[in-house]
N, C-alpha and C. Protein backbone atom coordinates (compact mmCIF):
# COMPACT_ATOMS: atom_id res chain seq x y z
N MET A 1 -14.42 -5.57 48.18
CA MET A 1 -14.47 -4.36 47.44
C MET A 1 -15.42 -4.45 46.25
N THR A 2 -16.29 -3.49 46.05
CA THR A 2 -17.27 -3.53 44.96
C THR A 2 -16.48 -3.41 43.59
N ALA A 3 -17.33 -3.82 42.54
CA ALA A 3 -16.71 -3.66 41.12
C ALA A 3 -16.45 -2.22 40.80
N ARG A 4 -17.27 -1.31 41.27
CA ARG A 4 -17.05 0.09 41.11
C ARG A 4 -15.85 0.50 41.81
N GLY A 5 -15.57 0.01 42.98
CA GLY A 5 -14.44 0.37 43.74
C GLY A 5 -13.06 -0.11 43.09
N MET A 6 -13.25 -1.10 42.32
CA MET A 6 -12.02 -1.61 41.65
C MET A 6 -11.74 -0.96 40.33
N LEU A 7 -12.58 -0.15 39.90
CA LEU A 7 -12.47 0.58 38.57
C LEU A 7 -11.21 1.46 38.60
N SER A 8 -10.60 1.52 37.37
CA SER A 8 -9.52 2.40 37.15
C SER A 8 -9.60 2.87 35.71
N ARG A 9 -8.94 3.87 35.36
CA ARG A 9 -8.90 4.36 34.00
C ARG A 9 -8.33 3.23 33.05
N GLN A 10 -7.23 2.51 33.44
CA GLN A 10 -6.70 1.56 32.67
C GLN A 10 -7.64 0.37 32.49
N ARG A 11 -8.34 -0.09 33.55
CA ARG A 11 -9.27 -1.15 33.40
C ARG A 11 -10.37 -0.81 32.48
N ILE A 12 -10.82 0.41 32.45
CA ILE A 12 -11.96 0.90 31.58
C ILE A 12 -11.37 0.91 30.16
N VAL A 13 -10.24 1.40 29.96
CA VAL A 13 -9.68 1.37 28.51
C VAL A 13 -9.46 -0.03 28.01
N ASP A 14 -8.95 -0.83 28.86
CA ASP A 14 -8.77 -2.26 28.41
C ASP A 14 -10.15 -2.91 28.16
N ALA A 15 -11.23 -2.60 28.89
CA ALA A 15 -12.50 -3.16 28.63
C ALA A 15 -13.03 -2.59 27.23
N ALA A 16 -12.78 -1.32 26.98
CA ALA A 16 -13.17 -0.79 25.78
C ALA A 16 -12.49 -1.39 24.55
N ALA A 17 -11.20 -1.74 24.72
CA ALA A 17 -10.53 -2.50 23.70
C ALA A 17 -11.10 -3.87 23.53
N ALA A 18 -11.50 -4.52 24.54
CA ALA A 18 -12.15 -5.78 24.50
C ALA A 18 -13.52 -5.82 23.68
N VAL A 19 -14.24 -4.73 24.01
CA VAL A 19 -15.54 -4.56 23.24
C VAL A 19 -15.16 -4.33 21.81
N ALA A 20 -14.29 -3.51 21.49
CA ALA A 20 -14.01 -3.17 20.04
C ALA A 20 -13.43 -4.50 19.37
N ASP A 21 -12.65 -5.30 20.11
CA ASP A 21 -12.21 -6.51 19.45
C ASP A 21 -13.29 -7.38 19.08
N ARG A 22 -14.28 -7.44 19.96
CA ARG A 22 -15.42 -8.45 19.81
C ARG A 22 -16.36 -7.98 18.83
N THR A 23 -16.77 -6.73 18.95
CA THR A 23 -17.89 -6.29 18.12
C THR A 23 -17.74 -5.05 17.30
N GLY A 24 -16.49 -4.59 17.22
CA GLY A 24 -16.13 -3.44 16.44
C GLY A 24 -16.22 -2.02 17.20
N LEU A 25 -15.54 -1.11 16.61
CA LEU A 25 -15.45 0.20 17.30
C LEU A 25 -16.73 0.91 17.45
N ALA A 26 -17.58 0.69 16.50
CA ALA A 26 -18.84 1.46 16.58
C ALA A 26 -19.71 1.04 17.84
N SER A 27 -19.44 -0.12 18.37
CA SER A 27 -20.20 -0.68 19.53
C SER A 27 -19.60 -0.13 20.81
N VAL A 28 -18.50 0.61 20.75
CA VAL A 28 -17.93 1.12 22.00
C VAL A 28 -18.65 2.35 22.53
N SER A 29 -19.21 2.18 23.74
CA SER A 29 -19.95 3.33 24.35
C SER A 29 -19.66 3.16 25.80
N MET A 30 -20.13 4.21 26.59
CA MET A 30 -19.95 4.07 28.12
C MET A 30 -20.89 3.01 28.52
N ARG A 31 -21.98 2.76 27.92
CA ARG A 31 -22.86 1.69 28.32
C ARG A 31 -22.31 0.33 28.08
N SER A 32 -21.74 0.07 26.83
CA SER A 32 -21.26 -1.17 26.46
C SER A 32 -19.96 -1.52 27.32
N VAL A 33 -19.15 -0.48 27.63
CA VAL A 33 -17.92 -0.73 28.47
C VAL A 33 -18.36 -1.03 29.89
N GLY A 34 -19.29 -0.27 30.38
CA GLY A 34 -19.84 -0.56 31.77
C GLY A 34 -20.35 -2.06 31.84
N ALA A 35 -21.03 -2.49 30.71
CA ALA A 35 -21.58 -3.89 30.79
C ALA A 35 -20.41 -4.79 30.74
N GLU A 36 -19.33 -4.51 29.97
CA GLU A 36 -18.21 -5.36 30.02
C GLU A 36 -17.57 -5.59 31.37
N LEU A 37 -17.60 -4.49 32.13
CA LEU A 37 -17.04 -4.47 33.50
C LEU A 37 -18.05 -4.80 34.57
N ARG A 38 -19.26 -5.01 34.19
CA ARG A 38 -20.35 -5.37 35.11
C ARG A 38 -20.66 -4.22 36.17
N VAL A 39 -20.58 -3.01 35.67
CA VAL A 39 -20.86 -1.89 36.43
C VAL A 39 -21.85 -0.95 35.61
N GLU A 40 -22.48 0.01 36.35
CA GLU A 40 -23.31 0.95 35.75
C GLU A 40 -22.51 1.99 34.87
N ALA A 41 -22.99 2.35 33.73
CA ALA A 41 -22.21 3.22 32.94
C ALA A 41 -21.80 4.50 33.65
N MET A 42 -22.67 5.05 34.53
CA MET A 42 -22.34 6.29 35.17
C MET A 42 -21.10 6.26 36.08
N SER A 43 -20.77 4.92 36.58
CA SER A 43 -19.59 4.91 37.47
C SER A 43 -18.30 5.06 36.61
N LEU A 44 -18.27 5.05 35.26
CA LEU A 44 -17.13 5.23 34.51
C LEU A 44 -16.77 6.67 34.47
N TYR A 45 -17.72 7.53 34.53
CA TYR A 45 -17.46 8.96 34.49
C TYR A 45 -16.49 9.52 35.64
N HIS A 46 -16.28 8.71 36.65
CA HIS A 46 -15.26 9.14 37.66
C HIS A 46 -13.90 9.06 37.14
N HIS A 47 -13.68 8.27 36.10
CA HIS A 47 -12.43 8.00 35.62
C HIS A 47 -12.23 8.52 34.17
N VAL A 48 -13.28 8.60 33.27
CA VAL A 48 -13.27 9.00 31.98
C VAL A 48 -14.41 10.04 31.78
N SER A 49 -14.16 11.20 31.28
CA SER A 49 -15.20 12.28 31.29
C SER A 49 -16.30 12.06 30.32
N ASN A 50 -16.12 11.44 29.23
CA ASN A 50 -17.16 11.16 28.25
C ASN A 50 -16.64 10.17 27.20
N LYS A 51 -17.53 9.96 26.16
CA LYS A 51 -17.20 8.94 25.20
C LYS A 51 -16.04 9.40 24.34
N GLU A 52 -15.99 10.75 24.01
CA GLU A 52 -14.86 11.17 23.25
C GLU A 52 -13.49 10.96 23.97
N ALA A 53 -13.49 11.17 25.25
CA ALA A 53 -12.31 11.03 26.06
C ALA A 53 -11.90 9.48 26.02
N LEU A 54 -12.97 8.64 26.04
CA LEU A 54 -12.63 7.17 26.01
C LEU A 54 -12.08 6.84 24.70
N LEU A 55 -12.57 7.39 23.56
CA LEU A 55 -11.99 7.02 22.38
C LEU A 55 -10.48 7.57 22.17
N ASP A 56 -10.28 8.77 22.79
CA ASP A 56 -8.93 9.25 22.81
C ASP A 56 -8.04 8.31 23.48
N ALA A 57 -8.47 7.81 24.75
CA ALA A 57 -7.79 6.83 25.41
C ALA A 57 -7.51 5.51 24.71
N LEU A 58 -8.54 5.14 23.94
CA LEU A 58 -8.45 3.90 23.15
C LEU A 58 -7.40 4.08 22.02
N ALA A 59 -7.30 5.16 21.36
CA ALA A 59 -6.28 5.37 20.40
C ALA A 59 -4.95 5.38 21.08
N GLU A 60 -4.77 5.95 22.18
CA GLU A 60 -3.51 5.82 22.91
C GLU A 60 -3.18 4.35 23.28
N TRP A 61 -4.18 3.62 23.67
CA TRP A 61 -3.99 2.25 24.02
C TRP A 61 -3.35 1.51 22.81
N ALA A 62 -3.87 1.75 21.68
CA ALA A 62 -3.44 1.12 20.37
C ALA A 62 -1.94 1.47 20.11
N PHE A 63 -1.62 2.69 20.29
CA PHE A 63 -0.20 3.08 20.08
C PHE A 63 0.76 2.45 21.09
N VAL A 64 0.31 2.21 22.29
CA VAL A 64 1.17 1.69 23.35
C VAL A 64 1.46 0.14 22.94
N GLN A 65 0.63 -0.52 22.15
CA GLN A 65 0.77 -1.89 21.81
C GLN A 65 1.95 -2.05 20.76
N ILE A 66 2.22 -0.97 20.03
CA ILE A 66 3.22 -1.08 18.98
C ILE A 66 4.61 -0.94 19.59
N ASP A 67 5.55 -1.82 19.33
CA ASP A 67 6.88 -1.84 19.83
C ASP A 67 7.65 -0.73 19.12
N LEU A 68 8.29 0.14 19.98
CA LEU A 68 9.16 1.17 19.49
C LEU A 68 10.54 0.88 19.45
N PRO A 69 11.24 1.19 18.41
CA PRO A 69 12.65 0.90 18.24
C PRO A 69 13.46 1.90 19.17
N GLU A 70 14.72 1.64 19.43
CA GLU A 70 15.50 2.51 20.27
C GLU A 70 16.28 3.48 19.35
N ILE A 71 16.36 4.67 19.69
CA ILE A 71 17.25 5.54 18.90
C ILE A 71 18.69 5.10 19.06
N GLY A 72 19.37 5.02 18.04
CA GLY A 72 20.66 4.44 18.00
C GLY A 72 20.78 3.15 17.25
N ASP A 73 19.55 2.46 17.12
CA ASP A 73 19.46 1.33 16.38
C ASP A 73 19.71 1.59 14.90
N PRO A 74 20.23 0.66 14.07
CA PRO A 74 20.32 0.92 12.66
C PRO A 74 18.97 1.35 12.08
N TRP A 75 18.83 2.47 11.35
CA TRP A 75 17.50 2.99 10.92
C TRP A 75 16.73 1.88 10.23
N ARG A 76 17.41 1.15 9.35
CA ARG A 76 16.52 0.14 8.53
C ARG A 76 15.93 -0.92 9.43
N ASP A 77 16.75 -1.40 10.32
CA ASP A 77 16.33 -2.42 11.27
C ASP A 77 15.12 -1.92 12.12
N ALA A 78 15.30 -0.63 12.53
CA ALA A 78 14.36 0.07 13.37
C ALA A 78 13.07 0.20 12.64
N MET A 79 13.03 0.51 11.30
CA MET A 79 11.79 0.68 10.59
C MET A 79 11.15 -0.57 10.33
N VAL A 80 11.83 -1.67 10.16
CA VAL A 80 11.32 -2.96 9.91
C VAL A 80 10.65 -3.47 11.20
N GLN A 81 11.43 -3.31 12.30
CA GLN A 81 10.79 -3.74 13.60
C GLN A 81 9.48 -3.02 13.91
N ARG A 82 9.55 -1.70 13.71
CA ARG A 82 8.27 -0.92 14.06
C ARG A 82 7.16 -1.29 13.08
N ALA A 83 7.45 -1.34 11.80
CA ALA A 83 6.46 -1.67 10.82
C ALA A 83 5.78 -3.09 11.04
N GLU A 84 6.60 -4.13 11.40
CA GLU A 84 6.10 -5.35 11.59
C GLU A 84 5.30 -5.46 12.87
N SER A 85 5.76 -4.73 13.91
CA SER A 85 4.93 -4.64 15.12
C SER A 85 3.56 -3.97 14.88
N ALA A 86 3.61 -2.79 14.13
CA ALA A 86 2.27 -2.20 13.84
C ALA A 86 1.36 -3.07 13.06
N ARG A 87 1.86 -3.80 12.10
CA ARG A 87 1.09 -4.79 11.35
C ARG A 87 0.42 -5.76 12.34
N THR A 88 1.26 -6.31 13.20
CA THR A 88 0.76 -7.29 14.15
C THR A 88 -0.39 -6.79 15.02
N VAL A 89 -0.20 -5.52 15.45
CA VAL A 89 -1.22 -4.96 16.28
C VAL A 89 -2.46 -4.74 15.48
N LEU A 90 -2.41 -4.30 14.25
CA LEU A 90 -3.58 -3.96 13.49
C LEU A 90 -4.32 -5.25 13.03
N ARG A 91 -3.47 -6.31 12.87
CA ARG A 91 -4.09 -7.59 12.56
C ARG A 91 -4.97 -8.03 13.77
N ALA A 92 -4.42 -7.88 14.89
CA ALA A 92 -5.09 -8.42 16.18
C ALA A 92 -6.23 -7.42 16.52
N HIS A 93 -6.15 -6.15 16.10
CA HIS A 93 -7.18 -5.14 16.57
C HIS A 93 -7.57 -4.37 15.31
N PRO A 94 -8.28 -4.96 14.36
CA PRO A 94 -8.49 -4.22 13.15
C PRO A 94 -9.23 -2.80 13.29
N TRP A 95 -10.00 -2.68 14.44
CA TRP A 95 -10.67 -1.44 14.67
C TRP A 95 -9.61 -0.25 14.84
N ALA A 96 -8.39 -0.54 15.21
CA ALA A 96 -7.36 0.50 15.35
C ALA A 96 -7.02 1.14 14.12
N LEU A 97 -7.25 0.60 12.94
CA LEU A 97 -6.91 1.21 11.63
C LEU A 97 -7.55 2.58 11.54
N GLY A 98 -8.75 2.75 12.06
CA GLY A 98 -9.39 3.96 11.93
C GLY A 98 -9.16 4.95 13.18
N MET A 99 -8.21 4.54 14.09
CA MET A 99 -8.04 5.27 15.30
C MET A 99 -6.62 5.96 15.31
N LEU A 100 -5.70 5.30 14.87
CA LEU A 100 -4.30 5.66 15.15
C LEU A 100 -4.02 7.13 14.82
N GLU A 101 -4.60 7.78 13.72
CA GLU A 101 -4.24 9.10 13.43
C GLU A 101 -5.50 9.89 13.33
N SER A 102 -6.59 9.50 13.90
CA SER A 102 -7.77 10.24 13.59
C SER A 102 -8.25 11.09 14.83
N ARG A 103 -7.74 10.97 15.89
CA ARG A 103 -8.17 11.75 17.11
C ARG A 103 -7.68 13.16 16.97
N PRO A 104 -8.57 14.25 17.22
CA PRO A 104 -8.26 15.60 17.07
C PRO A 104 -7.15 16.05 18.09
N VAL A 105 -7.07 15.48 19.26
CA VAL A 105 -6.14 15.87 20.23
C VAL A 105 -5.09 14.75 20.44
N PRO A 106 -3.93 14.85 19.92
CA PRO A 106 -2.97 13.81 20.05
C PRO A 106 -2.50 13.64 21.60
N GLY A 107 -2.44 12.36 22.00
CA GLY A 107 -2.03 12.09 23.39
C GLY A 107 -0.58 11.81 23.49
N PRO A 108 -0.04 11.68 24.67
CA PRO A 108 1.41 11.39 24.96
C PRO A 108 1.86 10.14 24.28
N ALA A 109 1.12 9.15 24.21
CA ALA A 109 1.68 7.95 23.55
C ALA A 109 1.82 8.11 22.02
N LEU A 110 0.91 8.77 21.47
CA LEU A 110 1.07 9.17 19.95
C LEU A 110 2.28 10.04 19.74
N LEU A 111 2.39 11.09 20.60
CA LEU A 111 3.47 12.03 20.42
C LEU A 111 4.77 11.34 20.67
N ARG A 112 4.84 10.40 21.66
CA ARG A 112 6.13 9.68 21.98
C ARG A 112 6.46 8.81 20.80
N HIS A 113 5.43 8.09 20.22
CA HIS A 113 5.60 7.29 19.13
C HIS A 113 6.21 8.04 17.91
N HIS A 114 5.56 9.07 17.54
CA HIS A 114 6.15 9.92 16.44
C HIS A 114 7.49 10.39 16.65
N ASP A 115 7.79 10.98 17.87
CA ASP A 115 9.04 11.49 18.13
C ASP A 115 10.20 10.48 18.05
N ARG A 116 9.79 9.16 18.52
CA ARG A 116 10.92 8.11 18.55
C ARG A 116 11.15 7.70 17.09
N VAL A 117 10.13 7.52 16.24
CA VAL A 117 10.35 7.13 14.88
C VAL A 117 11.14 8.19 14.18
N LEU A 118 10.79 9.37 14.31
CA LEU A 118 11.49 10.49 13.63
C LEU A 118 12.94 10.59 14.18
N GLY A 119 13.14 10.33 15.46
CA GLY A 119 14.41 10.35 16.01
C GLY A 119 15.35 9.19 15.52
N CYS A 120 14.75 8.06 15.28
CA CYS A 120 15.52 6.91 14.79
C CYS A 120 15.99 7.27 13.43
N LEU A 121 15.28 8.08 12.57
CA LEU A 121 15.68 8.37 11.30
C LEU A 121 16.68 9.58 11.29
N MET A 122 16.36 10.63 11.96
CA MET A 122 17.11 11.90 11.92
C MET A 122 18.52 11.67 12.52
N THR A 123 18.64 10.82 13.59
CA THR A 123 19.94 10.49 14.17
C THR A 123 20.85 9.64 13.20
N GLU A 124 20.17 9.14 12.11
CA GLU A 124 20.93 8.22 11.21
C GLU A 124 21.10 8.90 9.84
N GLY A 125 21.08 10.28 9.84
CA GLY A 125 21.36 10.99 8.63
C GLY A 125 20.27 11.50 7.85
N PHE A 126 19.06 11.30 8.26
CA PHE A 126 17.83 11.72 7.49
C PHE A 126 17.60 13.18 7.87
N SER A 127 17.34 14.02 6.86
CA SER A 127 16.83 15.39 7.26
C SER A 127 15.49 15.34 7.79
N ALA A 128 15.09 16.33 8.40
CA ALA A 128 13.72 16.38 8.96
C ALA A 128 12.65 16.06 7.99
N ALA A 129 12.85 16.69 6.65
CA ALA A 129 11.86 16.52 5.66
C ALA A 129 11.85 15.03 5.15
N LEU A 130 13.00 14.40 4.92
CA LEU A 130 13.12 13.09 4.43
C LEU A 130 12.57 12.05 5.58
N ALA A 131 12.82 12.35 6.87
CA ALA A 131 12.38 11.52 7.91
C ALA A 131 10.81 11.64 7.93
N THR A 132 10.24 12.77 7.75
CA THR A 132 8.76 12.85 7.72
C THR A 132 8.14 12.12 6.46
N HIS A 133 8.89 12.29 5.32
CA HIS A 133 8.39 11.61 4.10
C HIS A 133 8.39 10.02 4.32
N ALA A 134 9.55 9.62 4.97
CA ALA A 134 9.75 8.19 5.23
C ALA A 134 8.57 7.67 6.04
N PHE A 135 8.36 8.41 7.18
CA PHE A 135 7.34 8.06 8.22
C PHE A 135 6.02 7.85 7.51
N SER A 136 5.65 8.88 6.68
CA SER A 136 4.28 8.94 6.13
C SER A 136 4.20 7.72 5.12
N THR A 137 5.23 7.51 4.35
CA THR A 137 5.15 6.51 3.29
C THR A 137 5.13 5.14 3.96
N ILE A 138 5.99 4.92 4.95
CA ILE A 138 5.93 3.59 5.59
C ILE A 138 4.59 3.29 6.17
N ASP A 139 4.05 4.38 6.85
CA ASP A 139 2.67 4.21 7.58
C ASP A 139 1.56 3.95 6.56
N ALA A 140 1.67 4.67 5.36
CA ALA A 140 0.59 4.50 4.28
C ALA A 140 0.70 3.04 3.89
N PHE A 141 1.89 2.49 3.74
CA PHE A 141 2.03 1.11 3.26
C PHE A 141 1.45 0.15 4.36
N VAL A 142 1.96 0.31 5.61
CA VAL A 142 1.50 -0.56 6.61
C VAL A 142 0.00 -0.60 6.85
N TYR A 143 -0.60 0.63 6.87
CA TYR A 143 -2.06 0.71 7.15
C TYR A 143 -2.81 0.11 6.00
N GLY A 144 -2.32 0.42 4.73
CA GLY A 144 -2.98 -0.04 3.55
C GLY A 144 -2.85 -1.61 3.46
N PHE A 145 -1.77 -2.18 3.79
CA PHE A 145 -1.56 -3.54 3.75
C PHE A 145 -2.46 -4.28 4.75
N ALA A 146 -2.52 -3.70 6.00
CA ALA A 146 -3.34 -4.26 7.00
C ALA A 146 -4.81 -4.24 6.57
N LEU A 147 -5.24 -3.18 5.93
CA LEU A 147 -6.62 -3.06 5.54
C LEU A 147 -6.99 -4.10 4.44
N THR A 148 -5.94 -4.27 3.55
CA THR A 148 -6.15 -5.31 2.53
C THR A 148 -6.28 -6.69 3.20
N GLU A 149 -5.36 -6.98 4.13
CA GLU A 149 -5.40 -8.31 4.77
C GLU A 149 -6.79 -8.49 5.43
N ALA A 150 -7.29 -7.42 6.07
CA ALA A 150 -8.53 -7.59 6.83
C ALA A 150 -9.68 -7.92 5.80
N GLY A 151 -9.55 -7.57 4.64
CA GLY A 151 -10.67 -7.82 3.62
C GLY A 151 -10.54 -8.83 2.64
N LEU A 152 -9.38 -9.70 2.83
CA LEU A 152 -9.15 -10.77 1.86
C LEU A 152 -10.32 -11.74 1.80
N PRO A 153 -10.68 -12.24 0.61
CA PRO A 153 -11.82 -13.04 0.45
C PRO A 153 -11.49 -14.51 0.74
N PHE A 154 -10.36 -14.80 1.33
CA PHE A 154 -9.92 -16.09 1.76
C PHE A 154 -9.18 -16.00 3.02
N THR A 155 -9.09 -17.13 3.70
CA THR A 155 -8.25 -17.12 4.94
C THR A 155 -6.81 -17.52 4.69
N PRO A 156 -5.89 -16.70 4.86
CA PRO A 156 -4.50 -17.05 4.59
C PRO A 156 -4.02 -18.34 5.28
N GLY A 157 -3.39 -19.08 4.60
CA GLY A 157 -2.83 -20.43 5.08
C GLY A 157 -2.19 -21.20 3.98
N GLU A 158 -1.65 -22.28 4.29
CA GLU A 158 -0.95 -23.04 3.32
C GLU A 158 -1.87 -23.57 2.17
N GLY A 159 -1.44 -23.05 1.01
CA GLY A 159 -2.29 -23.32 -0.22
C GLY A 159 -3.50 -22.44 -0.42
N ALA A 160 -3.80 -21.60 0.44
CA ALA A 160 -5.02 -20.78 0.38
C ALA A 160 -5.04 -20.01 -0.91
N GLU A 161 -3.95 -19.34 -1.17
CA GLU A 161 -3.88 -18.45 -2.42
C GLU A 161 -4.00 -19.22 -3.71
N ALA A 162 -3.43 -20.39 -3.79
CA ALA A 162 -3.57 -21.17 -5.00
C ALA A 162 -5.03 -21.73 -5.13
N ALA A 163 -5.59 -22.16 -4.05
CA ALA A 163 -7.02 -22.61 -4.07
C ALA A 163 -7.94 -21.48 -4.51
N PHE A 164 -7.76 -20.30 -3.96
CA PHE A 164 -8.67 -19.22 -4.32
C PHE A 164 -8.48 -18.83 -5.78
N ALA A 165 -7.12 -18.81 -6.22
CA ALA A 165 -6.89 -18.41 -7.64
C ALA A 165 -7.51 -19.45 -8.57
N SER A 166 -7.50 -20.71 -8.20
CA SER A 166 -8.07 -21.76 -9.12
C SER A 166 -9.60 -21.58 -9.22
N GLN A 167 -10.20 -20.94 -8.34
CA GLN A 167 -11.66 -20.74 -8.24
C GLN A 167 -12.11 -19.53 -9.13
N VAL A 168 -11.25 -18.44 -9.08
CA VAL A 168 -11.58 -17.20 -9.70
C VAL A 168 -10.73 -16.74 -10.85
N ALA A 169 -9.78 -17.54 -11.30
CA ALA A 169 -8.81 -17.17 -12.39
C ALA A 169 -9.64 -16.86 -13.61
N PRO A 170 -9.35 -15.78 -14.27
CA PRO A 170 -10.18 -15.43 -15.55
C PRO A 170 -9.50 -16.17 -16.70
N PRO A 171 -10.22 -16.12 -17.86
CA PRO A 171 -9.62 -16.79 -19.04
C PRO A 171 -8.27 -16.18 -19.47
N PRO A 172 -7.28 -17.02 -19.67
CA PRO A 172 -5.93 -16.42 -19.96
C PRO A 172 -5.99 -15.74 -21.33
N GLU A 173 -6.86 -16.07 -22.22
CA GLU A 173 -6.83 -15.39 -23.51
C GLU A 173 -7.33 -13.98 -23.45
N ASP A 174 -8.10 -13.67 -22.43
CA ASP A 174 -8.56 -12.38 -22.20
C ASP A 174 -7.63 -11.48 -21.20
N TYR A 175 -6.97 -12.20 -20.34
CA TYR A 175 -6.09 -11.51 -19.42
C TYR A 175 -4.67 -12.28 -19.37
N PRO A 176 -3.90 -12.12 -20.47
CA PRO A 176 -2.71 -12.92 -20.51
C PRO A 176 -1.60 -12.65 -19.48
N TYR A 177 -1.51 -11.28 -19.16
CA TYR A 177 -0.46 -11.08 -18.18
C TYR A 177 -0.88 -11.49 -16.77
N LEU A 178 -2.02 -11.37 -16.45
CA LEU A 178 -2.56 -11.82 -15.21
C LEU A 178 -2.35 -13.42 -15.05
N ALA A 179 -2.75 -14.06 -16.11
CA ALA A 179 -2.55 -15.50 -16.19
C ALA A 179 -1.11 -16.00 -16.10
N ARG A 180 -0.19 -15.17 -16.69
CA ARG A 180 1.22 -15.51 -16.65
C ARG A 180 1.66 -15.26 -15.16
N SER A 181 1.23 -14.11 -14.54
CA SER A 181 1.69 -13.81 -13.18
C SER A 181 1.27 -14.96 -12.25
N LEU A 182 -0.12 -15.30 -12.33
CA LEU A 182 -0.53 -16.39 -11.44
C LEU A 182 0.24 -17.66 -11.64
N ALA A 183 0.42 -18.07 -12.97
CA ALA A 183 1.19 -19.24 -13.20
C ALA A 183 2.65 -19.30 -12.60
N GLU A 184 3.29 -18.24 -12.73
CA GLU A 184 4.67 -18.06 -12.22
C GLU A 184 4.73 -18.01 -10.72
N LEU A 185 3.84 -17.25 -10.11
CA LEU A 185 3.86 -17.12 -8.64
C LEU A 185 3.41 -18.34 -8.01
N LEU A 186 2.45 -19.11 -8.50
CA LEU A 186 1.90 -20.21 -7.81
C LEU A 186 2.52 -21.55 -8.19
N HIS A 187 3.40 -21.50 -9.12
CA HIS A 187 4.00 -22.74 -9.65
C HIS A 187 4.70 -23.60 -8.65
N GLY A 188 5.48 -22.90 -7.70
CA GLY A 188 6.20 -23.61 -6.67
C GLY A 188 5.34 -24.15 -5.49
N GLY A 189 4.18 -23.61 -5.43
CA GLY A 189 3.31 -24.00 -4.31
C GLY A 189 3.57 -23.35 -2.92
N ASP A 190 4.56 -22.31 -3.08
CA ASP A 190 4.97 -21.71 -1.76
C ASP A 190 4.58 -20.27 -1.64
N TYR A 191 3.79 -19.74 -2.65
CA TYR A 191 3.47 -18.36 -2.61
C TYR A 191 2.51 -18.03 -1.52
N ALA A 192 2.74 -17.08 -0.65
CA ALA A 192 1.82 -16.51 0.36
C ALA A 192 1.68 -14.99 0.28
N PHE A 193 0.43 -14.54 0.30
CA PHE A 193 0.19 -13.13 0.13
C PHE A 193 0.91 -12.38 1.20
N GLU A 194 0.98 -12.93 2.39
CA GLU A 194 1.52 -12.20 3.64
C GLU A 194 2.99 -11.78 3.38
N ASP A 195 3.67 -12.67 2.47
CA ASP A 195 5.10 -12.30 2.22
C ASP A 195 5.25 -10.87 1.40
N GLU A 196 4.15 -10.51 0.84
CA GLU A 196 4.18 -9.24 0.02
C GLU A 196 4.44 -8.06 1.07
N PHE A 197 4.09 -8.29 2.29
CA PHE A 197 4.38 -7.22 3.27
C PHE A 197 5.88 -6.85 3.31
N ARG A 198 6.60 -7.88 3.56
CA ARG A 198 8.11 -7.68 3.74
C ARG A 198 8.79 -7.30 2.34
N ASN A 199 8.12 -7.85 1.20
CA ASN A 199 8.70 -7.46 0.02
C ASN A 199 8.41 -6.00 -0.33
N GLY A 200 7.16 -5.53 -0.10
CA GLY A 200 6.90 -4.16 -0.30
C GLY A 200 7.66 -3.20 0.59
N LEU A 201 7.89 -3.60 1.87
CA LEU A 201 8.54 -2.74 2.76
C LEU A 201 10.03 -2.64 2.37
N GLU A 202 10.57 -3.73 1.84
CA GLU A 202 12.01 -3.64 1.46
C GLU A 202 12.23 -2.72 0.27
N LEU A 203 11.23 -2.64 -0.63
CA LEU A 203 11.18 -1.80 -1.86
C LEU A 203 11.24 -0.35 -1.33
N ILE A 204 10.39 -0.05 -0.35
CA ILE A 204 10.33 1.31 0.19
C ILE A 204 11.65 1.68 0.90
N LEU A 205 12.24 0.78 1.67
CA LEU A 205 13.39 1.03 2.34
C LEU A 205 14.69 1.18 1.45
N ASP A 206 14.61 0.42 0.33
CA ASP A 206 15.64 0.52 -0.71
C ASP A 206 15.65 1.99 -1.22
N GLY A 207 14.42 2.50 -1.51
CA GLY A 207 14.27 3.81 -2.04
C GLY A 207 14.77 4.95 -1.03
N LEU A 208 14.34 4.61 0.13
CA LEU A 208 14.79 5.65 1.22
C LEU A 208 16.33 5.61 1.49
N ALA A 209 16.95 4.44 1.30
CA ALA A 209 18.38 4.33 1.38
C ALA A 209 19.13 5.12 0.35
N GLN A 210 18.52 5.17 -0.78
CA GLN A 210 19.15 5.92 -1.90
C GLN A 210 18.85 7.39 -1.68
N ARG A 211 17.80 7.82 -1.20
CA ARG A 211 17.53 9.19 -0.90
C ARG A 211 18.42 9.64 0.21
N ARG A 212 18.59 8.91 1.15
CA ARG A 212 19.48 9.26 2.36
C ARG A 212 20.87 9.51 1.87
N MET A 213 21.40 8.79 0.82
CA MET A 213 22.69 8.91 0.44
C MET A 213 22.83 10.31 -0.42
N SER A 214 21.75 10.85 -0.84
CA SER A 214 21.77 12.20 -1.50
C SER A 214 20.86 13.22 -0.80
N ILE A 215 21.18 13.48 0.38
CA ILE A 215 20.38 14.17 1.34
C ILE A 215 19.94 15.55 0.76
N GLY A 216 20.68 16.18 -0.15
CA GLY A 216 20.26 17.48 -0.63
C GLY A 216 19.29 17.40 -1.76
N THR A 217 18.98 16.22 -2.27
CA THR A 217 17.97 16.03 -3.44
C THR A 217 16.59 16.18 -2.89
N PRO A 218 15.85 17.08 -3.45
CA PRO A 218 14.35 17.27 -2.98
C PRO A 218 13.57 15.98 -3.16
N TRP A 219 12.73 15.78 -2.32
CA TRP A 219 11.78 14.58 -2.46
C TRP A 219 10.79 14.84 -3.63
N GLN A 220 10.81 13.80 -4.43
CA GLN A 220 9.90 13.90 -5.57
C GLN A 220 9.04 12.73 -5.83
């Protein structure tokens, strides 16, 4: 069977993801994906109508990678599971940061994802409004944290934060509170920036738990 004969929509989207992983989203085109599959670009059009349709499918691909919690799971555990999975996907595929919510026509994977997250919250006592606020706030934090991680000026690892701080720490007489913060955080030698993800997520969830207990209180 020829390479063209073995083509499928799924193989094409998987190849597009591989191109994006290797050289970035801007490099994804019908030509580059065809080259990845070792076929002529024109043969892709039998399965994907154009580049915009390919990008729509790529956004769907990214959503499918994120583990979805089950409705009926404790809401807090569900939100932690989903947030940590989303962060893992975004770390592995940084190009997805600009894809998850940007496509003009939402696909079934996106719709299923949103419906499931809202369902996990609404079946656990969240109003529709509070569930929507929770979803938006958690996603803003997850996406923002993933973006920050992608741009760190050092490679996270044992002692990486302390080593970087020692190189760039400003004069303590000019920045006393920053100096104090660095001294206290790095004193034990076990500080890791990646731990701030769970710390920040727990702060958000604590606030949501309080809001959930007073469901009639407007979101402010």
